Every structure is written in structure tokens, then in C-alpha cells.
Amino acid sequence: MPNNRKRLIGRVISDKMDKTVTVAIERRTLHPLYQKVVSSTKKVKAHDETNSVPLGALVQLVESKPMSKSKRWVVEKVLTATSEAEQAVIEAELKRDDEEEADNDSE
């Protein structure tokens, strides 16, 4: 019997939770009228049993039974990991983005 579960590929954008990572799934589609490539990003939470997936890693997710209110995916494998230097750069970018969002909200 074949395994018919959905599989997605995305980049880890947060690993602050215990046994959970947040993964950004980016889809690119052609706009029907303007024929321009439009990218849309969706964030999903995925289960990481060993807490071994680093920030910025490219991972493959597989659909699973619901593990919590918002967690319905499991990290199947890490496709490409990141070095410590790359992780530091990613964390700095995320912190800067969070600060910009906070500034925009306060205005």
C-alpha cells in the first residue's frame, strides 16, 4: 500500500518551542491576468521529536494526525542544514523584522 500523505518543503524560521519548529512554505504561481510570478508564504508548525533541526534549515514535512491545536505536520528529513554563522545572520534578520513590525504597529 503506497503512502499517500502530503509532503511539503520549506525553511525553518523558528525553533524556539520545545519539539516544534515553524516552517515557511513558499509557493510561486503565475498571476492569471498579469502573467507575473506571485509568491505567497504560509507558516506551519511541525513536530521535531529530537529538537535537532537548526534555524534556517531546508526541511521536508509530511502530513500527520493532529498533535495539537495548530500542529499537523512532522519533520521527515533535513534536506540542507545551516552553519552557525548562517544561523546568526538569520536570527539577526528575524530580530530586525520583528522590531520593524513593532514600530509599524505602534504608529
PDB file of N, CA and C in Angstrom:
ATOM      1  N   MET A   1       0.837  -1.179   0.000  1.00  0.00           N
ATOM      2  CA  MET A   1       0.000   0.000   0.000  1.00  0.00           C
ATOM      3  C   MET A   1       0.883   1.243   0.000  1.00  0.00           C
ATOM      4  N   PRO A   2       0.711   2.135  -0.971  1.00  0.00           N
ATOM      5  CA  PRO A   2       1.554   3.320  -1.034  1.00  0.00           C
ATOM      6  C   PRO A   2       1.190   4.331   0.053  1.00  0.00           C
ATOM      7  N   ASN A   3       2.166   5.129   0.392  1.00  0.00           N
ATOM      8  CA  ASN A   3       1.976   6.172   1.386  1.00  0.00           C
ATOM      9  C   ASN A   3       1.457   7.424   0.679  1.00  0.00           C
ATOM     10  N   ASN A   4       0.202   7.801   0.901  1.00  0.00           N
ATOM     11  CA  ASN A   4      -0.423   8.902   0.181  1.00  0.00           C
ATOM     12  C   ASN A   4      -0.420  10.218   0.948  1.00  0.00           C
ATOM     13  N   ARG A   5       0.412  10.340   1.971  1.00  0.00           N
ATOM     14  CA  ARG A   5       0.430  11.570   2.755  1.00  0.00           C
ATOM     15  C   ARG A   5       1.111  12.697   1.978  1.00  0.00           C
ATOM     16  N   LYS A   6       0.621  13.923   2.175  1.00  0.00           N
ATOM     17  CA  LYS A   6       1.208  15.077   1.508  1.00  0.00           C
ATOM     18  C   LYS A   6       2.588  15.360   2.066  1.00  0.00           C
ATOM     19  N   ARG A   7       3.449  15.891   1.216  1.00  0.00           N
ATOM     20  CA  ARG A   7       4.787  16.283   1.623  1.00  0.00           C
ATOM     21  C   ARG A   7       5.058  17.697   1.120  1.00  0.00           C
ATOM     22  N   LEU A   8       5.650  18.522   1.980  1.00  0.00           N
ATOM     23  CA  LEU A   8       5.982  19.903   1.642  1.00  0.00           C
ATOM     24  C   LEU A   8       7.443  20.163   1.957  1.00  0.00           C
ATOM     25  N   ILE A   9       8.027  21.120   1.249  1.00  0.00           N
ATOM     26  CA  ILE A   9       9.411  21.512   1.504  1.00  0.00           C
ATOM     27  C   ILE A   9       9.399  22.981   1.901  1.00  0.00           C
ATOM     28  N   GLY A  10      10.097  23.311   2.994  1.00  0.00           N
ATOM     29  CA  GLY A  10      10.134  24.690   3.463  1.00  0.00           C
ATOM     30  C   GLY A  10      11.360  24.962   4.308  1.00  0.00           C
ATOM     31  N   ARG A  11      11.497  26.217   4.735  1.00  0.00           N
ATOM     32  CA  ARG A  11      12.640  26.638   5.524  1.00  0.00           C
ATOM     33  C   ARG A  11      12.212  26.936   6.953  1.00  0.00           C
ATOM     34  N   VAL A  12      13.004  26.466   7.921  1.00  0.00           N
ATOM     35  CA  VAL A  12      12.712  26.668   9.346  1.00  0.00           C
ATOM     36  C   VAL A  12      12.959  28.132   9.689  1.00  0.00           C
ATOM     37  N   ILE A  13      11.924  28.800  10.228  1.00  0.00           N
ATOM     38  CA  ILE A  13      12.072  30.212  10.592  1.00  0.00           C
ATOM     39  C   ILE A  13      12.032  30.425  12.100  1.00  0.00           C
ATOM     40  N   SER A  14      11.669  29.386  12.867  1.00  0.00           N
ATOM     41  CA  SER A  14      11.683  29.500  14.319  1.00  0.00           C
ATOM     42  C   SER A  14      11.841  28.112  14.926  1.00  0.00           C
ATOM     43  N   ASP A  15      12.738  28.019  15.916  1.00  0.00           N
ATOM     44  CA  ASP A  15      12.932  26.750  16.630  1.00  0.00           C
ATOM     45  C   ASP A  15      12.901  26.986  18.138  1.00  0.00           C
ATOM     46  N   LYS A  16      12.159  27.997  18.575  1.00  0.00           N
ATOM     47  CA  LYS A  16      12.154  28.381  19.992  1.00  0.00           C
ATOM     48  C   LYS A  16      11.280  27.495  20.856  1.00  0.00           C
ATOM     49  N   MET A  17      10.347  26.760  20.258  1.00  0.00           N
ATOM     50  CA  MET A  17       9.440  25.919  21.036  1.00  0.00           C
ATOM     51  C   MET A  17      10.057  24.538  21.265  1.00  0.00           C
ATOM     52  N   ASP A  18       9.574  23.838  22.267  1.00  0.00           N
ATOM     53  CA  ASP A  18      10.069  22.508  22.571  1.00  0.00           C
ATOM     54  C   ASP A  18       9.422  21.492  21.632  1.00  0.00           C
ATOM     55  N   LYS A  19      10.252  20.764  20.884  1.00  0.00           N
ATOM     56  CA  LYS A  19       9.823  19.725  19.942  1.00  0.00           C
ATOM     57  C   LYS A  19       8.924  20.250  18.826  1.00  0.00           C
ATOM     58  N   THR A  20       8.999  21.557  18.549  1.00  0.00           N
ATOM     59  CA  THR A  20       8.205  22.155  17.490  1.00  0.00           C
ATOM     60  C   THR A  20       9.038  23.178  16.753  1.00  0.00           C
ATOM     61  N   VAL A  21       8.916  23.186  15.424  1.00  0.00           N
ATOM     62  CA  VAL A  21       9.559  24.213  14.605  1.00  0.00           C
ATOM     63  C   VAL A  21       8.493  24.875  13.740  1.00  0.00           C
ATOM     64  N   THR A  22       8.706  26.143  13.422  1.00  0.00           N
ATOM     65  CA  THR A  22       7.832  26.852  12.497  1.00  0.00           C
ATOM     66  C   THR A  22       8.529  26.878  11.152  1.00  0.00           C
ATOM     67  N   VAL A  23       7.811  26.447  10.117  1.00  0.00           N
ATOM     68  CA  VAL A  23       8.389  26.318   8.783  1.00  0.00           C
ATOM     69  C   VAL A  23       7.618  27.212   7.821  1.00  0.00           C
ATOM     70  N   ALA A  24       8.350  27.974   7.004  1.00  0.00           N
ATOM     71  CA  ALA A  24       7.727  28.819   5.983  1.00  0.00           C
ATOM     72  C   ALA A  24       7.700  28.057   4.669  1.00  0.00           C
ATOM     73  N   ILE A  25       6.498  27.884   4.124  1.00  0.00           N
ATOM     74  CA  ILE A  25       6.311  27.209   2.848  1.00  0.00           C
ATOM     75  C   ILE A  25       6.050  28.289   1.802  1.00  0.00           C
ATOM     76  N   GLU A  26       6.925  28.397   0.811  1.00  0.00           N
ATOM     77  CA  GLU A  26       6.747  29.423  -0.215  1.00  0.00           C
ATOM     78  C   GLU A  26       6.245  28.778  -1.501  1.00  0.00           C
ATOM     79  N   ARG A  27       5.167  29.341  -2.040  1.00  0.00           N
ATOM     80  CA  ARG A  27       4.595  28.872  -3.299  1.00  0.00           C
ATOM     81  C   ARG A  27       4.700  29.995  -4.323  1.00  0.00           C
ATOM     82  N   ARG A  28       5.056  29.644  -5.554  1.00  0.00           N
ATOM     83  CA  ARG A  28       5.126  30.625  -6.635  1.00  0.00           C
ATOM     84  C   ARG A  28       4.137  30.221  -7.711  1.00  0.00           C
ATOM     85  N   THR A  29       3.261  31.151  -8.064  1.00  0.00           N
ATOM     86  CA  THR A  29       2.263  30.894  -9.087  1.00  0.00           C
ATOM     87  C   THR A  29       2.253  32.046 -10.080  1.00  0.00           C
ATOM     88  N   LEU A  30       1.739  31.793 -11.253  1.00  0.00           N
ATOM     89  CA  LEU A  30       1.617  32.816 -12.271  1.00  0.00           C
ATOM     90  C   LEU A  30       0.266  33.508 -12.123  1.00  0.00           C
ATOM     91  N   HIS A  31       0.277  34.829 -12.082  1.00  0.00           N
ATOM     92  CA  HIS A  31      -0.973  35.573 -11.960  1.00  0.00           C
ATOM     93  C   HIS A  31      -1.783  35.386 -13.243  1.00  0.00           C
ATOM     94  N   PRO A  32      -3.081  35.055 -13.120  1.00  0.00           N
ATOM     95  CA  PRO A  32      -3.864  34.735 -14.315  1.00  0.00           C
ATOM     96  C   PRO A  32      -4.030  35.898 -15.296  1.00  0.00           C
ATOM     97  N   LEU A  33      -4.102  37.132 -14.795  1.00  0.00           N
ATOM     98  CA  LEU A  33      -4.321  38.271 -15.676  1.00  0.00           C
ATOM     99  C   LEU A  33      -3.014  38.937 -16.091  1.00  0.00           C
ATOM    100  N   TYR A  34      -2.129  39.191 -15.126  1.00  0.00           N
ATOM    101  CA  TYR A  34      -0.923  39.969 -15.394  1.00  0.00           C
ATOM    102  C   TYR A  34       0.280  39.119 -15.789  1.00  0.00           C
ATOM    103  N   GLN A  35       0.161  37.806 -15.729  1.00  0.00           N
ATOM    104  CA  GLN A  35       1.231  36.890 -16.150  1.00  0.00           C
ATOM    105  C   GLN A  35       2.552  37.180 -15.426  1.00  0.00           C
ATOM    106  N   LYS A  36       2.446  37.557 -14.169  1.00  0.00           N
ATOM    107  CA  LYS A  36       3.617  37.838 -13.358  1.00  0.00           C
ATOM    108  C   LYS A  36       3.717  36.770 -12.274  1.00  0.00           C
ATOM    109  N   VAL A  37       4.916  36.406 -11.887  1.00  0.00           N
ATOM    110  CA  VAL A  37       5.095  35.401 -10.851  1.00  0.00           C
ATOM    111  C   VAL A  37       4.801  36.031  -9.497  1.00  0.00           C
ATOM    112  N   VAL A  38       3.864  35.426  -8.769  1.00  0.00           N
ATOM    113  CA  VAL A  38       3.469  35.912  -7.450  1.00  0.00           C
ATOM    114  C   VAL A  38       3.867  34.851  -6.435  1.00  0.00           C
ATOM    115  N   SER A  39       4.597  35.266  -5.404  1.00  0.00           N
ATOM    116  CA  SER A  39       4.987  34.312  -4.370  1.00  0.00           C
ATOM    117  C   SER A  39       4.150  34.540  -3.130  1.00  0.00           C
ATOM    118  N   SER A  40       3.673  33.454  -2.543  1.00  0.00           N
ATOM    119  CA  SER A  40       2.914  33.536  -1.297  1.00  0.00           C
ATOM    120  C   SER A  40       3.561  32.602  -0.287  1.00  0.00           C
ATOM    121  N   THR A  41       3.584  33.035   0.969  1.00  0.00           N
ATOM    122  CA  THR A  41       4.228  32.267   2.030  1.00  0.00           C
ATOM    123  C   THR A  41       3.195  31.861   3.063  1.00  0.00           C
ATOM    124  N   LYS A  42       3.287  30.606   3.487  1.00  0.00           N
ATOM    125  CA  LYS A  42       2.408  30.093   4.529  1.00  0.00           C
ATOM    126  C   LYS A  42       3.290  29.517   5.635  1.00  0.00           C
ATOM    127  N   LYS A  43       2.959  29.848   6.886  1.00  0.00           N
ATOM    128  CA  LYS A  43       3.725  29.320   8.012  1.00  0.00           C
ATOM    129  C   LYS A  43       2.960  28.166   8.644  1.00  0.00           C
ATOM    130  N   VAL A  44       3.649  27.046   8.862  1.00  0.00           N
ATOM    131  CA  VAL A  44       3.050  25.894   9.528  1.00  0.00           C
ATOM    132  C   VAL A  44       3.954  25.467  10.679  1.00  0.00           C
ATOM    133  N   LYS A  45       3.346  24.854  11.682  1.00  0.00           N
ATOM    134  CA  LYS A  45       4.114  24.299  12.796  1.00  0.00           C
ATOM    135  C   LYS A  45       4.297  22.816  12.553  1.00  0.00           C
ATOM    136  N   ALA A  46       5.511  22.326  12.808  1.00  0.00           N
ATOM    137  CA  ALA A  46       5.824  20.929  12.565  1.00  0.00           C
ATOM    138  C   ALA A  46       6.493  20.320  13.790  1.00  0.00           C
ATOM    139  N   HIS A  47       6.262  19.022  13.981  1.00  0.00           N
ATOM    140  CA  HIS A  47       6.817  18.297  15.126  1.00  0.00           C
ATOM    141  C   HIS A  47       8.257  17.893  14.829  1.00  0.00           C
ATOM    142  N   ASP A  48       9.157  18.151  15.780  1.00  0.00           N
ATOM    143  CA  ASP A  48      10.565  17.781  15.689  1.00  0.00           C
ATOM    144  C   ASP A  48      10.909  17.045  16.978  1.00  0.00           C
ATOM    145  N   GLU A  49      10.833  15.738  16.945  1.00  0.00           N
ATOM    146  CA  GLU A  49      10.941  14.910  18.149  1.00  0.00           C
ATOM    147  C   GLU A  49      12.257  15.124  18.890  1.00  0.00           C
ATOM    148  N   THR A  50      13.361  15.296  18.164  1.00  0.00           N
ATOM    149  CA  THR A  50      14.674  15.346  18.810  1.00  0.00           C
ATOM    150  C   THR A  50      15.204  16.766  19.025  1.00  0.00           C
ATOM    151  N   ASN A  51      14.447  17.781  18.624  1.00  0.00           N
ATOM    152  CA  ASN A  51      14.914  19.172  18.712  1.00  0.00           C
ATOM    153  C   ASN A  51      16.251  19.365  18.010  1.00  0.00           C
ATOM    154  N   SER A  52      16.470  18.672  16.896  1.00  0.00           N
ATOM    155  CA  SER A  52      17.760  18.720  16.218  1.00  0.00           C
ATOM    156  C   SER A  52      17.759  19.562  14.954  1.00  0.00           C
ATOM    157  N   VAL A  53      16.612  20.086  14.546  1.00  0.00           N
ATOM    158  CA  VAL A  53      16.553  20.862  13.307  1.00  0.00           C
ATOM    159  C   VAL A  53      16.976  22.296  13.600  1.00  0.00           C
ATOM    160  N   PRO A  54      18.032  22.792  12.925  1.00  0.00           N
ATOM    161  CA  PRO A  54      18.517  24.142  13.200  1.00  0.00           C
ATOM    162  C   PRO A  54      17.692  25.203  12.481  1.00  0.00           C
ATOM    163  N   LEU A  55      17.808  26.410  12.943  1.00  0.00           N
ATOM    164  CA  LEU A  55      17.151  27.554  12.338  1.00  0.00           C
ATOM    165  C   LEU A  55      17.718  27.775  10.936  1.00  0.00           C
ATOM    166  N   GLY A  56      16.859  27.990   9.956  1.00  0.00           N
ATOM    167  CA  GLY A  56      17.308  28.230   8.585  1.00  0.00           C
ATOM    168  C   GLY A  56      17.472  26.985   7.744  1.00  0.00           C
ATOM    169  N   ALA A  57      17.258  25.813   8.320  1.00  0.00           N
ATOM    170  CA  ALA A  57      17.435  24.563   7.577  1.00  0.00           C
ATOM    171  C   ALA A  57      16.289  24.357   6.592  1.00  0.00           C
ATOM    172  N   LEU A  58      16.584  23.730   5.468  1.00  0.00           N
ATOM    173  CA  LEU A  58      15.569  23.357   4.493  1.00  0.00           C
ATOM    174  C   LEU A  58      15.107  21.954   4.864  1.00  0.00           C
ATOM    175  N   VAL A  59      13.799  21.785   5.115  1.00  0.00           N
ATOM    176  CA  VAL A  59      13.283  20.508   5.616  1.00  0.00           C
ATOM    177  C   VAL A  59      12.129  20.013   4.748  1.00  0.00           C
ATOM    178  N   GLN A  60      11.917  18.703   4.802  1.00  0.00           N
ATOM    179  CA  GLN A  60      10.755  18.102   4.161  1.00  0.00           C
ATOM    180  C   GLN A  60       9.782  17.700   5.253  1.00  0.00           C
ATOM    181  N   LEU A  61       8.527  18.143   5.109  1.00  0.00           N
ATOM    182  CA  LEU A  61       7.485  17.848   6.084  1.00  0.00           C
ATOM    183  C   LEU A  61       6.551  16.801   5.514  1.00  0.00           C
ATOM    184  N   VAL A  62       5.963  16.003   6.401  1.00  0.00           N
ATOM    185  CA  VAL A  62       4.974  15.019   5.986  1.00  0.00           C
ATOM    186  C   VAL A  62       3.723  15.221   6.835  1.00  0.00           C
ATOM    187  N   GLU A  63       2.575  15.075   6.193  1.00  0.00           N
ATOM    188  CA  GLU A  63       1.294  15.243   6.850  1.00  0.00           C
ATOM    189  C   GLU A  63       1.115  14.168   7.924  1.00  0.00           C
ATOM    190  N   SER A  64       0.491  14.533   9.044  1.00  0.00           N
ATOM    191  CA  SER A  64       0.275  13.557  10.114  1.00  0.00           C
ATOM    192  C   SER A  64      -1.047  13.844  10.809  1.00  0.00           C
ATOM    193  N   LYS A  65      -1.355  13.017  11.774  1.00  0.00           N
ATOM    194  CA  LYS A  65      -2.562  13.267  12.570  1.00  0.00           C
ATOM    195  C   LYS A  65      -2.336  14.524  13.411  1.00  0.00           C
ATOM    196  N   PRO A  66      -3.387  15.209  13.800  1.00  0.00           N
ATOM    197  CA  PRO A  66      -3.205  16.412  14.615  1.00  0.00           C
ATOM    198  C   PRO A  66      -2.532  16.094  15.955  1.00  0.00           C
ATOM    199  N   MET A  67      -1.451  16.815  16.247  1.00  0.00           N
ATOM    200  CA  MET A  67      -0.737  16.612  17.503  1.00  0.00           C
ATOM    201  C   MET A  67      -1.100  17.680  18.526  1.00  0.00           C
ATOM    202  N   SER A  68      -1.626  18.794  18.063  1.00  0.00           N
ATOM    203  CA  SER A  68      -2.099  19.858  18.945  1.00  0.00           C
ATOM    204  C   SER A  68      -3.070  20.711  18.139  1.00  0.00           C
ATOM    205  N   LYS A  69      -3.456  21.842  18.700  1.00  0.00           N
ATOM    206  CA  LYS A  69      -4.414  22.711  18.023  1.00  0.00           C
ATOM    207  C   LYS A  69      -3.901  23.178  16.660  1.00  0.00           C
ATOM    208  N   SER A  70      -2.612  23.445  16.558  1.00  0.00           N
ATOM    209  CA  SER A  70      -2.077  24.007  15.311  1.00  0.00           C
ATOM    210  C   SER A  70      -0.979  23.166  14.660  1.00  0.00           C
ATOM    211  N   LYS A  71      -0.657  22.003  15.212  1.00  0.00           N
ATOM    212  CA  LYS A  71       0.461  21.209  14.699  1.00  0.00           C
ATOM    213  C   LYS A  71      -0.051  19.956  13.998  1.00  0.00           C
ATOM    214  N   ARG A  72       0.085  19.932  12.654  1.00  0.00           N
ATOM    215  CA  ARG A  72      -0.394  18.805  11.851  1.00  0.00           C
ATOM    216  C   ARG A  72       0.656  18.263  10.896  1.00  0.00           C
ATOM    217  N   TRP A  73       1.910  18.634  11.073  1.00  0.00           N
ATOM    218  CA  TRP A  73       2.994  18.205  10.204  1.00  0.00           C
ATOM    219  C   TRP A  73       4.140  17.672  11.050  1.00  0.00           C
ATOM    220  N   VAL A  74       4.947  16.780  10.472  1.00  0.00           N
ATOM    221  CA  VAL A  74       6.115  16.217  11.143  1.00  0.00           C
ATOM    222  C   VAL A  74       7.320  16.410  10.223  1.00  0.00           C
ATOM    223  N   VAL A  75       8.462  16.782  10.799  1.00  0.00           N
ATOM    224  CA  VAL A  75       9.685  16.905  10.012  1.00  0.00           C
ATOM    225  C   VAL A  75      10.123  15.499   9.624  1.00  0.00           C
ATOM    226  N   GLU A  76      10.152  15.240   8.321  1.00  0.00           N
ATOM    227  CA  GLU A  76      10.539  13.920   7.831  1.00  0.00           C
ATOM    228  C   GLU A  76      12.055  13.813   7.699  1.00  0.00           C
ATOM    229  N   LYS A  77      12.661  14.835   7.068  1.00  0.00           N
ATOM    230  CA  LYS A  77      14.117  14.844   6.967  1.00  0.00           C
ATOM    231  C   LYS A  77      14.620  16.252   6.722  1.00  0.00           C
ATOM    232  N   VAL A  78      15.869  16.469   7.083  1.00  0.00           N
ATOM    233  CA  VAL A  78      16.525  17.753   6.858  1.00  0.00           C
ATOM    234  C   VAL A  78      17.246  17.653   5.526  1.00  0.00           C
ATOM    235  N   LEU A  79      16.883  18.512   4.581  1.00  0.00           N
ATOM    236  CA  LEU A  79      17.497  18.470   3.254  1.00  0.00           C
ATOM    237  C   LEU A  79      18.835  19.181   3.249  1.00  0.00           C
ATOM    238  N   THR A  80      18.886  20.400   3.793  1.00  0.00           N
ATOM    239  CA  THR A  80      20.152  21.121   3.939  1.00  0.00           C
ATOM    240  C   THR A  80      20.159  21.822   5.285  1.00  0.00           C
ATOM    241  N   ALA A  81      21.216  21.624   6.035  1.00  0.00           N
ATOM    242  CA  ALA A  81      21.352  22.265   7.340  1.00  0.00           C
ATOM    243  C   ALA A  81      22.101  23.581   7.166  1.00  0.00           C
ATOM    244  N   THR A  82      22.165  24.368   8.221  1.00  0.00           N
ATOM    245  CA  THR A  82      22.876  25.645   8.173  1.00  0.00           C
ATOM    246  C   THR A  82      24.029  25.631   9.160  1.00  0.00           C
ATOM    247  N   SER A  83      25.047  26.435   8.854  1.00  0.00           N
ATOM    248  CA  SER A  83      26.182  26.546   9.769  1.00  0.00           C
ATOM    249  C   SER A  83      25.833  27.544  10.867  1.00  0.00           C
ATOM    250  N   GLU A  84      26.691  27.637  11.869  1.00  0.00           N
ATOM    251  CA  GLU A  84      26.435  28.553  12.987  1.00  0.00           C
ATOM    252  C   GLU A  84      26.452  30.009  12.525  1.00  0.00           C
ATOM    253  N   ALA A  85      27.325  30.334  11.569  1.00  0.00           N
ATOM    254  CA  ALA A  85      27.394  31.707  11.062  1.00  0.00           C
ATOM    255  C   ALA A  85      26.108  32.075  10.338  1.00  0.00           C
ATOM    256  N   GLU A  86      25.604  31.155   9.523  1.00  0.00           N
ATOM    257  CA  GLU A  86      24.352  31.411   8.812  1.00  0.00           C
ATOM    258  C   GLU A  86      23.196  31.565   9.788  1.00  0.00           C
ATOM    259  N   GLN A  87      23.179  30.763  10.854  1.00  0.00           N
ATOM    260  CA  GLN A  87      22.125  30.866  11.861  1.00  0.00           C
ATOM    261  C   GLN A  87      22.144  32.230  12.538  1.00  0.00           C
ATOM    262  N   ALA A  88      23.331  32.748  12.831  1.00  0.00           N
ATOM    263  CA  ALA A  88      23.440  34.061  13.472  1.00  0.00           C
ATOM    264  C   ALA A  88      22.892  35.154  12.560  1.00  0.00           C
ATOM    265  N   VAL A  89      23.179  35.059  11.270  1.00  0.00           N
ATOM    266  CA  VAL A  89      22.674  36.053  10.316  1.00  0.00           C
ATOM    267  C   VAL A  89      21.154  35.974  10.234  1.00  0.00           C
ATOM    268  N   ILE A  90      20.607  34.776  10.186  1.00  0.00           N
ATOM    269  CA  ILE A  90      19.152  34.595  10.093  1.00  0.00           C
ATOM    270  C   ILE A  90      18.475  35.139  11.340  1.00  0.00           C
ATOM    271  N   GLU A  91      19.032  34.849  12.518  1.00  0.00           N
ATOM    272  CA  GLU A  91      18.451  35.345  13.764  1.00  0.00           C
ATOM    273  C   GLU A  91      18.462  36.872  13.801  1.00  0.00           C
ATOM    274  N   ALA A  92      19.545  37.493  13.311  1.00  0.00           N
ATOM    275  CA  ALA A  92      19.621  38.948  13.292  1.00  0.00           C
ATOM    276  C   ALA A  92      18.560  39.533  12.355  1.00  0.00           C
ATOM    277  N   GLU A  93      18.363  38.902  11.198  1.00  0.00           N
ATOM    278  CA  GLU A  93      17.341  39.368  10.259  1.00  0.00           C
ATOM    279  C   GLU A  93      15.948  39.246  10.860  1.00  0.00           C
ATOM    280  N   LEU A  94      15.672  38.120  11.525  1.00  0.00           N
ATOM    281  CA  LEU A  94      14.359  37.935  12.138  1.00  0.00           C
ATOM    282  C   LEU A  94      14.123  38.948  13.244  1.00  0.00           C
ATOM    283  N   LYS A  95      15.149  39.221  14.040  1.00  0.00           N
ATOM    284  CA  LYS A  95      15.006  40.195  15.119  1.00  0.00           C
ATOM    285  C   LYS A  95      14.731  41.582  14.544  1.00  0.00           C
ATOM    286  N   ARG A  96      15.435  41.940  13.460  1.00  0.00           N
ATOM    287  CA  ARG A  96      15.227  43.242  12.827  1.00  0.00           C
ATOM    288  C   ARG A  96      13.804  43.339  12.261  1.00  0.00           C
ATOM    289  N   ASP A  97      13.311  42.278  11.628  1.00  0.00           N
ATOM    290  CA  ASP A  97      11.956  42.271  11.081  1.00  0.00           C
ATOM    291  C   ASP A  97      10.915  42.425  12.185  1.00  0.00           C
ATOM    292  N   ASP A  98      11.136  41.749  13.318  1.00  0.00           N
ATOM    293  CA  ASP A  98      10.203  41.857  14.447  1.00  0.00           C
ATOM    294  C   ASP A  98      10.168  43.286  14.994  1.00  0.00           C
ATOM    295  N   GLU A  99      11.341  43.916  15.066  1.00  0.00           N
ATOM    296  CA  GLU A  99      11.406  45.293  15.554  1.00  0.00           C
ATOM    297  C   GLU A  99      10.692  46.236  14.600  1.00  0.00           C
ATOM    298  N   GLU A 100      10.848  46.029  13.292  1.00  0.00           N
ATOM    299  CA  GLU A 100      10.169  46.878  12.310  1.00  0.00           C
ATOM    300  C   GLU A 100       8.656  46.718  12.415  1.00  0.00           C
ATOM    301  N   GLU A 101       8.184  45.489  12.610  1.00  0.00           N
ATOM    302  CA  GLU A 101       6.752  45.255  12.754  1.00  0.00           C
ATOM    303  C   GLU A 101       6.216  45.940  14.016  1.00  0.00           C
ATOM    304  N   ALA A 102       6.990  45.900  15.099  1.00  0.00           N
ATOM    305  CA  ALA A 102       6.575  46.537  16.341  1.00  0.00           C
ATOM    306  C   ALA A 102       6.504  48.052  16.152  1.00  0.00           C
ATOM    307  N   ASP A 103       7.461  48.618  15.408  1.00  0.00           N
ATOM    308  CA  ASP A 103       7.446  50.055  15.153  1.00  0.00           C
ATOM    309  C   ASP A 103       6.241  50.442  14.302  1.00  0.00           C
ATOM    310  N   ASN A 104       5.918  49.628  13.308  1.00  0.00           N
ATOM    311  CA  ASN A 104       4.767  49.905  12.449  1.00  0.00           C
ATOM    312  C   ASN A 104       3.462  49.797  13.216  1.00  0.00           C
ATOM    313  N   ASP A 105       3.370  48.851  14.153  1.00  0.00           N
ATOM    314  CA  ASP A 105       2.164  48.682  14.939  1.00  0.00           C
ATOM    315  C   ASP A 105       1.939  49.846  15.901  1.00  0.00           C
ATOM    316  N   SER A 106       3.015  50.414  16.413  1.00  0.00           N
ATOM    317  CA  SER A 106       2.888  51.485  17.387  1.00  0.00           C
ATOM    318  C   SER A 106       2.491  52.819  16.746  1.00  0.00           C
ATOM    319  N   GLU A 107       2.715  52.947  15.451  1.00  0.00           N
ATOM    320  CA  GLU A 107       2.382  54.201  14.765  1.00  0.00           C
ATOM    321  C   GLU A 107       0.909  54.335  14.499  1.00  0.00           C
TER     322      GLU A 107
END
